[in-house]
Amino acid sequence: MLKIAAIDGTLKDVKISDLDQNALLKDVGTITPEEGMKEIVVDIGGVKTVAINLLVDKDAGYMVPLIDSYYK
């Protein structure tokens, strides 16, 4: 599970991929600051290299609390 929050702007085109296989694992879409801390569940079993790609609004940011994101 990955937790992520948008800060002062929208996160767009959020996608999680298997980088080695060039495979899309999850298309999250858009995350807004109003959503607060969003939990994203994606199966990464057997994946060696995970990539998280997103577009961030100008003057915005995001937070990923690694202590709360984990592989189960």
C-alpha atoms as a PDB file:
ATOM      1  CA  MET A   1       0.000   0.000   0.000  1.00  0.00           C
ATOM      2  CA  LEU A   2       1.229   3.468  -0.901  1.00  0.00           C
ATOM      3  CA  LYS A   3       0.016   6.579   0.900  1.00  0.00           C
ATOM      4  CA  ILE A   4       0.316   9.912  -0.875  1.00  0.00           C
ATOM      5  CA  ALA A   5      -1.113  13.406  -0.392  1.00  0.00           C
ATOM      6  CA  ALA A   6      -1.252  16.397  -2.728  1.00  0.00           C
ATOM      7  CA  ILE A   7      -0.138  19.677  -1.159  1.00  0.00           C
ATOM      8  CA  ASP A   8      -1.264  23.091  -2.484  1.00  0.00           C
ATOM      9  CA  GLY A   9      -2.188  21.685  -5.909  1.00  0.00           C
ATOM     10  CA  THR A  10      -3.354  18.697  -7.887  1.00  0.00           C
ATOM     11  CA  LEU A  11      -1.353  15.592  -8.780  1.00  0.00           C
ATOM     12  CA  LYS A  12      -2.297  14.504 -12.290  1.00  0.00           C
ATOM     13  CA  ASP A  13      -1.731  11.385 -14.366  1.00  0.00           C
ATOM     14  CA  VAL A  14      -0.580   9.327 -11.347  1.00  0.00           C
ATOM     15  CA  LYS A  15       0.574   5.912 -12.568  1.00  0.00           C
ATOM     16  CA  ILE A  16       2.413   3.014 -10.932  1.00  0.00           C
ATOM     17  CA  SER A  17       4.426   0.773 -13.244  1.00  0.00           C
ATOM     18  CA  ASP A  18       6.699  -2.258 -13.361  1.00  0.00           C
ATOM     19  CA  LEU A  19       9.764  -0.574 -14.831  1.00  0.00           C
ATOM     20  CA  ASP A  20      11.543  -3.793 -15.859  1.00  0.00           C
ATOM     21  CA  GLN A  21       8.539  -5.188 -17.766  1.00  0.00           C
ATOM     22  CA  ASN A  22       7.315  -1.769 -18.955  1.00  0.00           C
ATOM     23  CA  ALA A  23       3.873  -2.694 -17.601  1.00  0.00           C
ATOM     24  CA  LEU A  24       1.268  -0.416 -16.065  1.00  0.00           C
ATOM     25  CA  LEU A  25       0.225  -1.783 -12.664  1.00  0.00           C
ATOM     26  CA  LYS A  26      -2.283   0.925 -11.695  1.00  0.00           C
ATOM     27  CA  ASP A  27      -3.608   4.152 -13.198  1.00  0.00           C
ATOM     28  CA  VAL A  28      -4.596   6.231 -10.167  1.00  0.00           C
ATOM     29  CA  GLY A  29      -5.626   9.295 -12.165  1.00  0.00           C
ATOM     30  CA  THR A  30      -5.840  12.568 -10.225  1.00  0.00           C
ATOM     31  CA  ILE A  31      -5.256  13.283  -6.533  1.00  0.00           C
ATOM     32  CA  THR A  32      -6.406  16.578  -5.023  1.00  0.00           C
ATOM     33  CA  PRO A  33      -5.464  18.232  -1.722  1.00  0.00           C
ATOM     34  CA  GLU A  34      -9.094  17.885  -0.600  1.00  0.00           C
ATOM     35  CA  GLU A  35      -8.729  14.082  -0.611  1.00  0.00           C
ATOM     36  CA  GLY A  36      -6.149  14.245   2.167  1.00  0.00           C
ATOM     37  CA  MET A  37      -3.865  11.237   2.570  1.00  0.00           C
ATOM     38  CA  LYS A  38      -4.891   8.795  -0.177  1.00  0.00           C
ATOM     39  CA  GLU A  39      -4.249   5.058   0.167  1.00  0.00           C
ATOM     40  CA  ILE A  40      -3.365   3.253  -3.052  1.00  0.00           C
ATOM     41  CA  VAL A  41      -3.379  -0.533  -3.092  1.00  0.00           C
ATOM     42  CA  VAL A  42      -1.491  -2.208  -5.946  1.00  0.00           C
ATOM     43  CA  ASP A  43      -0.110  -5.743  -6.349  1.00  0.00           C
ATOM     44  CA  ILE A  44       3.684  -5.536  -6.720  1.00  0.00           C
ATOM     45  CA  GLY A  45       4.391  -9.206  -6.020  1.00  0.00           C
ATOM     46  CA  GLY A  46       7.321 -10.361  -8.161  1.00  0.00           C
ATOM     47  CA  VAL A  47       8.104  -6.825  -9.347  1.00  0.00           C
ATOM     48  CA  LYS A  48      11.762  -5.828  -8.993  1.00  0.00           C
ATOM     49  CA  THR A  49      11.586  -2.152  -9.961  1.00  0.00           C
ATOM     50  CA  VAL A  50       8.501  -0.032  -9.265  1.00  0.00           C
ATOM     51  CA  ALA A  51       8.094   3.424 -10.799  1.00  0.00           C
ATOM     52  CA  ILE A  52       5.615   6.065  -9.656  1.00  0.00           C
ATOM     53  CA  ASN A  53       5.041   8.791 -12.251  1.00  0.00           C
ATOM     54  CA  LEU A  54       2.953  11.919 -11.781  1.00  0.00           C
ATOM     55  CA  LEU A  55       2.533  15.495 -12.921  1.00  0.00           C
ATOM     56  CA  VAL A  56       2.507  18.177 -10.217  1.00  0.00           C
ATOM     57  CA  ASP A  57       0.826  21.585 -10.547  1.00  0.00           C
ATOM     58  CA  LYS A  58       3.189  24.569 -10.496  1.00  0.00           C
ATOM     59  CA  ASP A  59       4.015  25.653  -6.922  1.00  0.00           C
ATOM     60  CA  ALA A  60       2.444  22.448  -5.559  1.00  0.00           C
ATOM     61  CA  GLY A  61       3.979  19.427  -3.898  1.00  0.00           C
ATOM     62  CA  TYR A  62       3.239  16.014  -2.505  1.00  0.00           C
ATOM     63  CA  MET A  63       4.063  13.888   0.503  1.00  0.00           C
ATOM     64  CA  VAL A  64       4.695  10.139   0.714  1.00  0.00           C
ATOM     65  CA  PRO A  65       5.061   9.010   4.340  1.00  0.00           C
ATOM     66  CA  LEU A  66       7.315   5.991   3.894  1.00  0.00           C
ATOM     67  CA  ILE A  67       6.645   4.750   7.411  1.00  0.00           C
ATOM     68  CA  ASP A  68       2.985   4.189   6.422  1.00  0.00           C
ATOM     69  CA  SER A  69       3.603   2.761   2.932  1.00  0.00           C
ATOM     70  CA  TYR A  70       4.418  -0.925   2.810  1.00  0.00           C
ATOM     71  CA  TYR A  71       4.505  -4.209   0.903  1.00  0.00           C
ATOM     72  CA  LYS A  72       2.411  -7.013   2.383  1.00  0.00           C
END
